[in-house]
PDB file of N, CA and C in Angstrom:
ATOM      1  N   MET A   1      -4.029  24.246 -23.971  1.00  0.00           N
ATOM      2  CA  MET A   1      -4.664  23.119 -22.325  1.00  0.00           C
ATOM      3  C   MET A   1      -3.552  23.313 -22.087  1.00  0.00           C
ATOM      4  N   SER A   2      -3.450  23.665 -20.370  1.00  0.00           N
ATOM      5  CA  SER A   2      -2.343  24.099 -19.643  1.00  0.00           C
ATOM      6  C   SER A   2      -1.539  22.653 -19.139  1.00  0.00           C
ATOM      7  N   GLU A   3      -0.558  22.144 -19.043  1.00  0.00           N
ATOM      8  CA  GLU A   3       0.230  21.145 -18.577  1.00  0.00           C
ATOM      9  C   GLU A   3      -0.155  20.857 -16.984  1.00  0.00           C
ATOM     10  N   LEU A   4      -0.358  19.609 -17.171  1.00  0.00           N
ATOM     11  CA  LEU A   4      -0.819  18.856 -16.298  1.00  0.00           C
ATOM     12  C   LEU A   4       0.281  18.560 -14.741  1.00  0.00           C
ATOM     13  N   ARG A   5       0.602  18.940 -14.121  1.00  0.00           N
ATOM     14  CA  ARG A   5       1.841  18.719 -12.821  1.00  0.00           C
ATOM     15  C   ARG A   5       1.398  17.885 -11.986  1.00  0.00           C
ATOM     16  N   PHE A   6       2.103  17.250 -11.459  1.00  0.00           N
ATOM     17  CA  PHE A   6       1.645  15.728 -10.520  1.00  0.00           C
ATOM     18  C   PHE A   6       2.045  16.705  -8.849  1.00  0.00           C
ATOM     19  N   LYS A   7       1.733  16.680  -8.108  1.00  0.00           N
ATOM     20  CA  LYS A   7       2.365  17.369  -7.097  1.00  0.00           C
ATOM     21  C   LYS A   7       1.611  16.125  -6.060  1.00  0.00           C
ATOM     22  N   SER A   8       3.208  16.069  -4.944  1.00  0.00           N
ATOM     23  CA  SER A   8       3.021  15.207  -3.922  1.00  0.00           C
ATOM     24  C   SER A   8       4.487  15.228  -3.397  1.00  0.00           C
ATOM     25  N   SER A   9       3.914  14.918  -1.818  1.00  0.00           N
ATOM     26  CA  SER A   9       4.835  15.008  -0.824  1.00  0.00           C
ATOM     27  C   SER A   9       6.360  14.028  -0.497  1.00  0.00           C
ATOM     28  N   LEU A  10       6.071  12.566  -1.998  1.00  0.00           N
ATOM     29  CA  LEU A  10       7.081  12.427  -2.506  1.00  0.00           C
ATOM     30  C   LEU A  10       7.966  12.906  -3.019  1.00  0.00           C
ATOM     31  N   SER A  11       9.315  12.507  -3.186  1.00  0.00           N
ATOM     32  CA  SER A  11      11.191  12.245  -4.318  1.00  0.00           C
ATOM     33  C   SER A  11       9.966  11.611  -5.535  1.00  0.00           C
ATOM     34  N   ILE A  12      10.576  12.182  -6.421  1.00  0.00           N
ATOM     35  CA  ILE A  12      10.399  11.672  -7.939  1.00  0.00           C
ATOM     36  C   ILE A  12      11.252  10.200  -7.724  1.00  0.00           C
ATOM     37  N   GLU A  13      11.919   9.643  -6.597  1.00  0.00           N
ATOM     38  CA  GLU A  13      12.191   8.260  -6.358  1.00  0.00           C
ATOM     39  C   GLU A  13      11.553   7.222  -5.412  1.00  0.00           C
ATOM     40  N   GLU A  14      10.824   8.148  -4.560  1.00  0.00           N
ATOM     41  CA  GLU A  14      10.410   7.340  -3.744  1.00  0.00           C
ATOM     42  C   GLU A  14       8.743   6.973  -4.609  1.00  0.00           C
ATOM     43  N   VAL A  15       8.331   7.961  -5.603  1.00  0.00           N
ATOM     44  CA  VAL A  15       7.345   7.336  -6.262  1.00  0.00           C
ATOM     45  C   VAL A  15       7.505   6.085  -7.392  1.00  0.00           C
ATOM     46  N   GLU A  16       8.655   6.446  -7.613  1.00  0.00           N
ATOM     47  CA  GLU A  16       9.168   5.342  -8.677  1.00  0.00           C
ATOM     48  C   GLU A  16       9.172   3.676  -8.173  1.00  0.00           C
ATOM     49  N   GLU A  17       9.417   4.185  -6.607  1.00  0.00           N
ATOM     50  CA  GLU A  17      10.053   2.908  -5.615  1.00  0.00           C
ATOM     51  C   GLU A  17       8.111   2.119  -5.563  1.00  0.00           C
ATOM     52  N   ASN A  18       7.802   2.942  -5.047  1.00  0.00           N
ATOM     53  CA  ASN A  18       6.436   2.625  -4.942  1.00  0.00           C
ATOM     54  C   ASN A  18       5.797   1.868  -6.434  1.00  0.00           C
ATOM     55  N   PHE A  19       5.877   2.551  -7.281  1.00  0.00           N
ATOM     56  CA  PHE A  19       5.470   2.060  -8.438  1.00  0.00           C
ATOM     57  C   PHE A  19       5.822   0.864  -9.196  1.00  0.00           C
ATOM     58  N   LYS A  20       7.084   0.594  -8.909  1.00  0.00           N
ATOM     59  CA  LYS A  20       8.319  -0.500  -9.842  1.00  0.00           C
ATOM     60  C   LYS A  20       7.744  -1.719  -9.992  1.00  0.00           C
ATOM     61  N   ASP A  21       6.482  -2.468  -9.282  1.00  0.00           N
ATOM     62  CA  ASP A  21       6.219  -3.289  -9.386  1.00  0.00           C
ATOM     63  C   ASP A  21       4.882  -3.492  -9.934  1.00  0.00           C
ATOM     64  N   ILE A  22       4.140  -2.533 -10.784  1.00  0.00           N
ATOM     65  CA  ILE A  22       2.649  -2.223 -11.073  1.00  0.00           C
ATOM     66  C   ILE A  22       2.581  -2.241 -12.372  1.00  0.00           C
ATOM     67  N   ASP A  23       1.958  -3.102 -13.343  1.00  0.00           N
ATOM     68  CA  ASP A  23       1.872  -2.986 -14.175  1.00  0.00           C
ATOM     69  C   ASP A  23       0.667  -2.757 -14.769  1.00  0.00           C
ATOM     70  N   PHE A  24       0.822  -0.898 -15.522  1.00  0.00           N
ATOM     71  CA  PHE A  24      -0.048  -0.616 -15.682  1.00  0.00           C
ATOM     72  C   PHE A  24      -1.095  -0.642 -17.213  1.00  0.00           C
ATOM     73  N   PHE A  25      -0.518  -1.340 -17.885  1.00  0.00           N
ATOM     74  CA  PHE A  25      -0.829  -2.264 -19.827  1.00  0.00           C
ATOM     75  C   PHE A  25      -1.590  -2.918 -18.617  1.00  0.00           C
ATOM     76  N   ASP A  26      -1.348  -4.035 -17.661  1.00  0.00           N
ATOM     77  CA  ASP A  26      -2.591  -4.924 -17.120  1.00  0.00           C
ATOM     78  C   ASP A  26      -3.747  -4.343 -16.388  1.00  0.00           C
ATOM     79  N   GLY A  27      -3.407  -3.166 -15.782  1.00  0.00           N
ATOM     80  CA  GLY A  27      -4.668  -2.931 -15.275  1.00  0.00           C
ATOM     81  C   GLY A  27      -5.889  -2.061 -16.384  1.00  0.00           C
ATOM     82  N   ILE A  28      -5.032  -1.435 -17.663  1.00  0.00           N
ATOM     83  CA  ILE A  28      -5.530  -0.697 -18.154  1.00  0.00           C
ATOM     84  C   ILE A  28      -6.408  -2.197 -19.031  1.00  0.00           C
ATOM     85  N   MET A  29      -5.615  -3.104 -19.208  1.00  0.00           N
ATOM     86  CA  MET A  29      -6.192  -4.422 -20.301  1.00  0.00           C
ATOM     87  C   MET A  29      -7.714  -4.924 -19.376  1.00  0.00           C
ATOM     88  N   ASP A  30      -7.264  -4.943 -18.491  1.00  0.00           N
ATOM     89  CA  ASP A  30      -8.321  -5.778 -17.135  1.00  0.00           C
ATOM     90  C   ASP A  30      -9.442  -4.598 -17.328  1.00  0.00           C
ATOM     91  N   GLY A  31      -9.704  -3.569 -16.817  1.00  0.00           N
ATOM     92  CA  GLY A  31     -10.464  -2.193 -17.601  1.00  0.00           C
ATOM     93  C   GLY A  31     -11.148  -2.600 -18.745  1.00  0.00           C
ATOM     94  N   LEU A  32     -10.398  -2.750 -19.527  1.00  0.00           N
ATOM     95  CA  LEU A  32     -11.213  -3.090 -20.972  1.00  0.00           C
ATOM     96  C   LEU A  32     -12.067  -4.215 -20.991  1.00  0.00           C
ATOM     97  N   GLU A  33     -11.531  -5.286 -20.500  1.00  0.00           N
ATOM     98  CA  GLU A  33     -12.470  -6.485 -20.493  1.00  0.00           C
ATOM     99  C   GLU A  33     -13.254  -6.775 -19.536  1.00  0.00           C
ATOM    100  N   GLU A  34     -13.006  -5.481 -18.408  1.00  0.00           N
ATOM    101  CA  GLU A  34     -14.615  -6.048 -18.140  1.00  0.00           C
ATOM    102  C   GLU A  34     -15.666  -5.012 -18.482  1.00  0.00           C
ATOM    103  N   ALA A  35     -15.038  -3.675 -19.553  1.00  0.00           N
ATOM    104  CA  ALA A  35     -16.163  -2.660 -19.926  1.00  0.00           C
ATOM    105  C   ALA A  35     -16.694  -3.541 -21.149  1.00  0.00           C
ATOM    106  N   LEU A  36     -15.838  -4.571 -21.554  1.00  0.00           N
ATOM    107  CA  LEU A  36     -16.154  -5.336 -22.907  1.00  0.00           C
ATOM    108  C   LEU A  36     -17.469  -6.166 -22.185  1.00  0.00           C
ATOM    109  N   ALA A  37     -16.812  -7.379 -21.471  1.00  0.00           N
ATOM    110  CA  ALA A  37     -17.956  -8.126 -20.304  1.00  0.00           C
ATOM    111  C   ALA A  37     -19.387  -7.625 -20.296  1.00  0.00           C
ATOM    112  N   TYR A  38     -18.890  -5.651 -20.073  1.00  0.00           N
ATOM    113  CA  TYR A  38     -20.296  -5.533 -19.505  1.00  0.00           C
ATOM    114  C   TYR A  38     -20.962  -5.045 -20.433  1.00  0.00           C
ATOM    115  N   SER A  39     -20.444  -4.551 -21.621  1.00  0.00           N
ATOM    116  CA  SER A  39     -20.981  -4.573 -22.383  1.00  0.00           C
ATOM    117  C   SER A  39     -22.386  -5.223 -23.601  1.00  0.00           C
ATOM    118  N   LYS A  40     -21.731  -6.517 -23.167  1.00  0.00           N
ATOM    119  CA  LYS A  40     -21.614  -8.108 -23.857  1.00  0.00           C
ATOM    120  C   LYS A  40     -23.218  -8.609 -22.555  1.00  0.00           C
ATOM    121  N   GLY A  41     -23.582  -7.989 -21.703  1.00  0.00           N
ATOM    122  CA  GLY A  41     -24.405  -8.374 -20.877  1.00  0.00           C
ATOM    123  C   GLY A  41     -23.704  -9.590 -20.190  1.00  0.00           C
ATOM    124  N   LYS A  42     -22.986  -9.791 -19.916  1.00  0.00           N
ATOM    125  CA  LYS A  42     -21.845 -10.955 -19.230  1.00  0.00           C
ATOM    126  C   LYS A  42     -21.367 -10.473 -17.864  1.00  0.00           C
ATOM    127  N   ALA A  43     -21.546  -9.280 -17.336  1.00  0.00           N
ATOM    128  CA  ALA A  43     -21.075  -8.692 -16.475  1.00  0.00           C
ATOM    129  C   ALA A  43     -21.822  -7.521 -16.041  1.00  0.00           C
ATOM    130  N   SER A  44     -22.516  -7.653 -14.857  1.00  0.00           N
ATOM    131  CA  SER A  44     -22.939  -6.338 -13.932  1.00  0.00           C
ATOM    132  C   SER A  44     -21.958  -4.968 -13.715  1.00  0.00           C
ATOM    133  N   ALA A  45     -21.709  -4.175 -13.905  1.00  0.00           N
ATOM    134  CA  ALA A  45     -21.235  -3.240 -13.196  1.00  0.00           C
ATOM    135  C   ALA A  45     -20.639  -2.934 -11.555  1.00  0.00           C
ATOM    136  N   ARG A  46     -21.598  -3.561 -10.587  1.00  0.00           N
ATOM    137  CA  ARG A  46     -22.168  -3.560  -9.516  1.00  0.00           C
ATOM    138  C   ARG A  46     -21.335  -4.907  -8.858  1.00  0.00           C
ATOM    139  N   THR A  47     -20.647  -5.667  -9.752  1.00  0.00           N
ATOM    140  CA  THR A  47     -19.742  -6.677  -9.130  1.00  0.00           C
ATOM    141  C   THR A  47     -18.508  -6.842  -8.985  1.00  0.00           C
ATOM    142  N   PHE A  48     -18.018  -5.942  -9.872  1.00  0.00           N
ATOM    143  CA  PHE A  48     -16.201  -5.878  -9.813  1.00  0.00           C
ATOM    144  C   PHE A  48     -15.562  -5.267  -9.243  1.00  0.00           C
ATOM    145  N   ALA A  49     -15.107  -6.018  -8.398  1.00  0.00           N
ATOM    146  CA  ALA A  49     -14.255  -5.656  -7.562  1.00  0.00           C
ATOM    147  C   ALA A  49     -12.797  -4.861  -7.937  1.00  0.00           C
ATOM    148  N   ARG A  50     -12.591  -3.748  -6.888  1.00  0.00           N
ATOM    149  CA  ARG A  50     -11.724  -2.799  -8.247  1.00  0.00           C
ATOM    150  C   ARG A  50     -10.403  -3.349  -7.396  1.00  0.00           C
ATOM    151  N   LYS A  51      -9.150  -3.464  -8.134  1.00  0.00           N
ATOM    152  CA  LYS A  51      -8.189  -3.492  -7.040  1.00  0.00           C
ATOM    153  C   LYS A  51      -7.349  -2.166  -7.812  1.00  0.00           C
ATOM    154  N   ARG A  52      -6.739  -2.120  -6.105  1.00  0.00           N
ATOM    155  CA  ARG A  52      -6.360  -0.501  -5.494  1.00  0.00           C
ATOM    156  C   ARG A  52      -4.483  -1.491  -5.366  1.00  0.00           C
ATOM    157  N   SER A  53      -3.148  -0.419  -6.132  1.00  0.00           N
ATOM    158  CA  SER A  53      -2.436  -0.927  -5.854  1.00  0.00           C
ATOM    159  C   SER A  53      -1.953  -0.491  -4.301  1.00  0.00           C
ATOM    160  N   LEU A  54      -1.111  -1.426  -3.244  1.00  0.00           N
ATOM    161  CA  LEU A  54      -1.008  -0.652  -1.974  1.00  0.00           C
ATOM    162  C   LEU A  54       0.776  -0.230  -1.973  1.00  0.00           C
ATOM    163  N   PRO A  55       0.975   0.139  -1.284  1.00  0.00           N
ATOM    164  CA  PRO A  55       2.134   1.054  -1.119  1.00  0.00           C
ATOM    165  C   PRO A  55       2.980  -0.595  -0.657  1.00  0.00           C
ATOM    166  N   LYS A  56       4.040  -0.051  -1.112  1.00  0.00           N
ATOM    167  CA  LYS A  56       5.710  -1.142  -0.404  1.00  0.00           C
ATOM    168  C   LYS A  56       5.758  -0.596   1.057  1.00  0.00           C
ATOM    169  N   VAL A  57       6.100  -1.400   1.637  1.00  0.00           N
ATOM    170  CA  VAL A  57       6.338  -1.133   2.913  1.00  0.00           C
ATOM    171  C   VAL A  57       7.844  -2.016   3.424  1.00  0.00           C
ATOM    172  N   ASN A  58       8.611  -1.930   4.047  1.00  0.00           N
ATOM    173  CA  ASN A  58       9.753  -1.794   4.526  1.00  0.00           C
ATOM    174  C   ASN A  58       9.786  -1.931   5.989  1.00  0.00           C
ATOM    175  N   VAL A  59       8.828  -2.902   7.153  1.00  0.00           N
ATOM    176  CA  VAL A  59       8.583  -3.232   8.452  1.00  0.00           C
ATOM    177  C   VAL A  59       9.961  -2.461   9.105  1.00  0.00           C
ATOM    178  N   VAL A  60      10.854  -3.263   8.857  1.00  0.00           N
ATOM    179  CA  VAL A  60      12.326  -2.932   9.559  1.00  0.00           C
ATOM    180  C   VAL A  60      12.616  -1.315   9.373  1.00  0.00           C
ATOM    181  N   GLU A  61      12.727  -0.953   8.429  1.00  0.00           N
ATOM    182  CA  GLU A  61      12.986   0.444   7.949  1.00  0.00           C
ATOM    183  C   GLU A  61      12.221   1.462   8.753  1.00  0.00           C
ATOM    184  N   ILE A  62      10.625   0.866   9.022  1.00  0.00           N
ATOM    185  CA  ILE A  62       9.768   2.293   9.208  1.00  0.00           C
ATOM    186  C   ILE A  62       9.690   1.855  11.301  1.00  0.00           C
ATOM    187  N   ARG A  63      10.220   0.585  11.540  1.00  0.00           N
ATOM    188  CA  ARG A  63       9.948   0.279  12.987  1.00  0.00           C
ATOM    189  C   ARG A  63      10.954   1.287  13.697  1.00  0.00           C
ATOM    190  N   THR A  64      12.724   0.749  12.850  1.00  0.00           N
ATOM    191  CA  THR A  64      13.783   1.445  13.630  1.00  0.00           C
ATOM    192  C   THR A  64      14.303   3.152  13.627  1.00  0.00           C
ATOM    193  N   SER A  65      12.858   3.782  12.579  1.00  0.00           N
ATOM    194  CA  SER A  65      13.014   5.072  11.870  1.00  0.00           C
ATOM    195  C   SER A  65      12.074   5.743  13.209  1.00  0.00           C
ATOM    196  N   LEU A  66      10.901   4.927  14.160  1.00  0.00           N
ATOM    197  CA  LEU A  66      10.278   5.797  14.853  1.00  0.00           C
ATOM    198  C   LEU A  66      11.145   5.210  16.603  1.00  0.00           C
ATOM    199  N   ASP A  67      12.562   4.502  16.301  1.00  0.00           N
ATOM    200  CA  ASP A  67      13.062   4.448  17.845  1.00  0.00           C
ATOM    201  C   ASP A  67      12.309   2.853  18.010  1.00  0.00           C
ATOM    202  N   MET A  68      11.434   2.098  17.793  1.00  0.00           N
ATOM    203  CA  MET A  68      10.415   1.122  18.240  1.00  0.00           C
ATOM    204  C   MET A  68      11.106  -0.448  19.055  1.00  0.00           C
ATOM    205  N   THR A  69      10.437  -0.557  19.352  1.00  0.00           N
ATOM    206  CA  THR A  69      11.077  -2.674  19.919  1.00  0.00           C
ATOM    207  C   THR A  69       9.659  -3.101  18.601  1.00  0.00           C
ATOM    208  N   GLN A  70       9.817  -4.657  18.314  1.00  0.00           N
ATOM    209  CA  GLN A  70       9.119  -4.975  17.567  1.00  0.00           C
ATOM    210  C   GLN A  70       7.570  -4.912  18.962  1.00  0.00           C
ATOM    211  N   ARG A  71       8.047  -4.836  20.151  1.00  0.00           N
ATOM    212  CA  ARG A  71       6.881  -4.966  20.857  1.00  0.00           C
ATOM    213  C   ARG A  71       6.288  -4.071  20.722  1.00  0.00           C
ATOM    214  N   ALA A  72       6.774  -2.319  21.185  1.00  0.00           N
ATOM    215  CA  ALA A  72       6.165  -1.632  20.971  1.00  0.00           C
ATOM    216  C   ALA A  72       5.271  -0.891  19.658  1.00  0.00           C
ATOM    217  N   PHE A  73       5.914  -1.453  18.427  1.00  0.00           N
ATOM    218  CA  PHE A  73       5.431  -1.038  17.008  1.00  0.00           C
ATOM    219  C   PHE A  73       4.191  -2.337  16.970  1.00  0.00           C
ATOM    220  N   ALA A  74       4.374  -3.632  17.576  1.00  0.00           N
ATOM    221  CA  ALA A  74       3.181  -4.605  17.285  1.00  0.00           C
ATOM    222  C   ALA A  74       2.059  -4.239  18.153  1.00  0.00           C
ATOM    223  N   GLU A  75       1.968  -3.412  19.275  1.00  0.00           N
ATOM    224  CA  GLU A  75       0.792  -2.700  20.195  1.00  0.00           C
ATOM    225  C   GLU A  75       0.478  -1.650  19.220  1.00  0.00           C
ATOM    226  N   MET A  76       1.429  -0.673  18.983  1.00  0.00           N
ATOM    227  CA  MET A  76       1.051   0.675  18.333  1.00  0.00           C
ATOM    228  C   MET A  76      -0.108  -0.119  17.049  1.00  0.00           C
ATOM    229  N   LEU A  77       0.331  -1.406  16.330  1.00  0.00           N
ATOM    230  CA  LEU A  77      -0.657  -1.565  15.220  1.00  0.00           C
ATOM    231  C   LEU A  77      -1.759  -2.324  15.572  1.00  0.00           C
ATOM    232  N   GLY A  78      -1.321  -2.869  16.962  1.00  0.00           N
ATOM    233  CA  GLY A  78      -2.575  -3.928  17.270  1.00  0.00           C
ATOM    234  C   GLY A  78      -2.624  -5.265  17.111  1.00  0.00           C
ATOM    235  N   VAL A  79      -1.338  -5.675  16.796  1.00  0.00           N
ATOM    236  CA  VAL A  79      -0.890  -7.119  16.386  1.00  0.00           C
ATOM    237  C   VAL A  79      -0.226  -7.668  16.823  1.00  0.00           C
ATOM    238  N   SER A  80       0.134  -8.624  16.953  1.00  0.00           N
ATOM    239  CA  SER A  80       1.156  -9.524  18.185  1.00  0.00           C
ATOM    240  C   SER A  80       2.605  -9.501  17.768  1.00  0.00           C
ATOM    241  N   CYS A  81       3.276  -9.129  18.784  1.00  0.00           N
ATOM    242  CA  CYS A  81       4.777  -9.572  18.287  1.00  0.00           C
ATOM    243  C   CYS A  81       5.003 -10.253  17.491  1.00  0.00           C
ATOM    244  N   ARG A  82       4.899 -11.497  17.046  1.00  0.00           N
ATOM    245  CA  ARG A  82       4.792 -12.802  16.175  1.00  0.00           C
ATOM    246  C   ARG A  82       4.845 -12.076  14.865  1.00  0.00           C
ATOM    247  N   THR A  83       3.841 -11.530  14.699  1.00  0.00           N
ATOM    248  CA  THR A  83       3.164 -10.612  13.822  1.00  0.00           C
ATOM    249  C   THR A  83       4.278  -9.556  13.210  1.00  0.00           C
ATOM    250  N   VAL A  84       4.555  -8.824  13.956  1.00  0.00           N
ATOM    251  CA  VAL A  84       5.660  -8.176  13.491  1.00  0.00           C
ATOM    252  C   VAL A  84       6.908  -8.951  13.134  1.00  0.00           C
ATOM    253  N   GLU A  85       7.705 -10.150  13.777  1.00  0.00           N
ATOM    254  CA  GLU A  85       8.328 -10.507  13.581  1.00  0.00           C
ATOM    255  C   GLU A  85       8.337 -11.542  12.182  1.00  0.00           C
ATOM    256  N   ALA A  86       7.510 -11.656  11.725  1.00  0.00           N
ATOM    257  CA  ALA A  86       6.866 -12.612  10.612  1.00  0.00           C
ATOM    258  C   ALA A  86       6.767 -11.918   9.597  1.00  0.00           C
ATOM    259  N   TRP A  87       6.585 -10.899   9.972  1.00  0.00           N
ATOM    260  CA  TRP A  87       6.618  -9.241   8.457  1.00  0.00           C
ATOM    261  C   TRP A  87       7.889  -9.184   8.151  1.00  0.00           C
ATOM    262  N   GLU A  88       8.940  -8.695   9.360  1.00  0.00           N
ATOM    263  CA  GLU A  88      10.162  -8.713   8.966  1.00  0.00           C
ATOM    264  C   GLU A  88      11.270  -9.719   8.819  1.00  0.00           C
ATOM    265  N   SER A  89      10.687 -11.087   8.634  1.00  0.00           N
ATOM    266  CA  SER A  89      11.708 -11.908   8.542  1.00  0.00           C
ATOM    267  C   SER A  89      10.982 -12.147   6.699  1.00  0.00           C
ATOM    268  N   GLY A  90       9.954 -11.705   6.364  1.00  0.00           N
ATOM    269  CA  GLY A  90       9.297 -12.321   5.600  1.00  0.00           C
ATOM    270  C   GLY A  90       8.880 -13.372   5.296  1.00  0.00           C
ATOM    271  N   LYS A  91       8.126 -14.079   6.160  1.00  0.00           N
ATOM    272  CA  LYS A  91       7.945 -15.428   6.510  1.00  0.00           C
ATOM    273  C   LYS A  91       5.751 -15.227   6.372  1.00  0.00           C
ATOM    274  N   SER A  92       5.614 -13.906   6.386  1.00  0.00           N
ATOM    275  CA  SER A  92       4.128 -13.456   5.744  1.00  0.00           C
ATOM    276  C   SER A  92       4.376 -11.772   5.607  1.00  0.00           C
ATOM    277  N   ASN A  93       3.217 -11.040   5.131  1.00  0.00           N
ATOM    278  CA  ASN A  93       3.213 -10.121   4.255  1.00  0.00           C
ATOM    279  C   ASN A  93       2.047  -9.939   5.285  1.00  0.00           C
ATOM    280  N   PRO A  94       2.523  -8.297   5.555  1.00  0.00           N
ATOM    281  CA  PRO A  94       1.352  -7.535   6.412  1.00  0.00           C
ATOM    282  C   PRO A  94       0.055  -7.521   5.366  1.00  0.00           C
ATOM    283  N   THR A  95      -1.312  -7.142   6.037  1.00  0.00           N
ATOM    284  CA  THR A  95      -2.575  -7.026   5.351  1.00  0.00           C
ATOM    285  C   THR A  95      -2.740  -5.786   4.728  1.00  0.00           C
ATOM    286  N   PRO A  96      -3.623  -5.529   4.103  1.00  0.00           N
ATOM    287  CA  PRO A  96      -3.688  -4.356   3.176  1.00  0.00           C
ATOM    288  C   PRO A  96      -3.731  -3.173   4.203  1.00  0.00           C
ATOM    289  N   THR A  97      -4.265  -3.337   5.077  1.00  0.00           N
ATOM    290  CA  THR A  97      -4.607  -2.142   6.164  1.00  0.00           C
ATOM    291  C   THR A  97      -3.752  -1.292   6.763  1.00  0.00           C
ATOM    292  N   ALA A  98      -3.150  -2.885   7.047  1.00  0.00           N
ATOM    293  CA  ALA A  98      -1.327  -2.499   7.809  1.00  0.00           C
ATOM    294  C   ALA A  98      -0.430  -1.852   7.102  1.00  0.00           C
ATOM    295  N   LYS A  99      -0.424  -2.372   5.648  1.00  0.00           N
ATOM    296  CA  LYS A  99       0.483  -1.975   4.994  1.00  0.00           C
ATOM    297  C   LYS A  99       0.109  -0.370   4.573  1.00  0.00           C
ATOM    298  N   LYS A 100      -0.684  -0.194   4.464  1.00  0.00           N
ATOM    299  CA  LYS A 100      -2.235   1.644   4.803  1.00  0.00           C
ATOM    300  C   LYS A 100      -1.133   2.202   5.695  1.00  0.00           C
ATOM    301  N   LEU A 101      -1.279   1.326   6.363  1.00  0.00           N
ATOM    302  CA  LEU A 101      -1.183   1.896   8.028  1.00  0.00           C
ATOM    303  C   LEU A 101       0.246   2.618   8.279  1.00  0.00           C
ATOM    304  N   MET A 102       1.328   1.824   7.790  1.00  0.00           N
ATOM    305  CA  MET A 102       2.423   1.699   8.308  1.00  0.00           C
ATOM    306  C   MET A 102       3.217   2.722   7.487  1.00  0.00           C
ATOM    307  N   PHE A 103       2.138   2.779   5.619  1.00  0.00           N
ATOM    308  CA  PHE A 103       3.373   3.996   4.686  1.00  0.00           C
ATOM    309  C   PHE A 103       2.270   5.299   5.416  1.00  0.00           C
ATOM    310  N   LEU A 104       1.279   5.399   5.983  1.00  0.00           N
ATOM    311  CA  LEU A 104       1.277   6.750   6.526  1.00  0.00           C
ATOM    312  C   LEU A 104       2.121   6.874   7.792  1.00  0.00           C
ATOM    313  N   ILE A 105       2.080   6.330   8.856  1.00  0.00           N
ATOM    314  CA  ILE A 105       3.069   6.173   9.740  1.00  0.00           C
ATOM    315  C   ILE A 105       4.479   6.675   9.625  1.00  0.00           C
ATOM    316  N   LYS A 106       4.684   6.310   8.021  1.00  0.00           N
ATOM    317  CA  LYS A 106       6.074   6.539   7.311  1.00  0.00           C
ATOM    318  C   LYS A 106       6.466   7.973   7.286  1.00  0.00           C
ATOM    319  N   GLU A 107       4.884   7.894   6.472  1.00  0.00           N
ATOM    320  CA  GLU A 107       5.106   9.806   6.020  1.00  0.00           C
ATOM    321  C   GLU A 107       4.793  11.229   7.066  1.00  0.00           C
ATOM    322  N   ASP A 108       4.505  10.250   7.763  1.00  0.00           N
ATOM    323  CA  ASP A 108       4.074  11.152   9.188  1.00  0.00           C
ATOM    324  C   ASP A 108       3.969  10.718  10.464  1.00  0.00           C
ATOM    325  N   HIS A 109       5.838  10.925  10.666  1.00  0.00           N
ATOM    326  CA  HIS A 109       6.028   9.870  12.099  1.00  0.00           C
ATOM    327  C   HIS A 109       4.681  10.315  13.465  1.00  0.00           C
ATOM    328  N   SER A 110       4.119  11.927  13.389  1.00  0.00           N
ATOM    329  CA  SER A 110       3.383  12.134  14.529  1.00  0.00           C
ATOM    330  C   SER A 110       2.056  11.051  14.780  1.00  0.00           C
ATOM    331  N   LEU A 111       1.992  10.370  13.515  1.00  0.00           N
ATOM    332  CA  LEU A 111       0.844   9.630  13.672  1.00  0.00           C
ATOM    333  C   LEU A 111       1.168   8.698  14.671  1.00  0.00           C
ATOM    334  N   ALA A 112       2.372   8.087  14.795  1.00  0.00           N
ATOM    335  CA  ALA A 112       2.824   7.368  15.493  1.00  0.00           C
ATOM    336  C   ALA A 112       2.125   7.300  17.342  1.00  0.00           C
ATOM    337  N   SER A 113       2.243   8.528  17.730  1.00  0.00           N
ATOM    338  CA  SER A 113       2.015   9.218  19.121  1.00  0.00           C
ATOM    339  C   SER A 113       0.496   9.076  18.704  1.00  0.00           C
ATOM    340  N   LYS A 114      -0.466   9.301  17.998  1.00  0.00           N
ATOM    341  CA  LYS A 114      -1.534   9.019  17.966  1.00  0.00           C
ATOM    342  C   LYS A 114      -2.302   8.136  18.633  1.00  0.00           C
ATOM    343  N   LEU A 115      -1.342   6.902  17.735  1.00  0.00           N
ATOM    344  CA  LEU A 115      -1.887   5.498  18.081  1.00  0.00           C
ATOM    345  C   LEU A 115      -1.441   4.919  19.352  1.00  0.00           C
TER     346      LEU A 115
END
């Protein structure tokens, strides 16, 4: 059997940073508990909500790397300037969709101009 290789545009440090707060054992245990409940007839496979890990994003870092004001960044993402301020100050967290979008923009700055 050939050796499996992981290919990514991220450096190993970036991969480690993205997964530092993920407990894979808990995820495996959750899946096993779901499977056991299903096998005992206590759950339907269709009813499970699948948990997906979200990328970590540093809003200030992404915005400043694009050389954008908070207002311009907010307009690009379709949120208010106050929302961006709250994200940057830690008063609130971006929605899962916003996190994914900012992660994609961080990886490919050309997406910002398309938005």
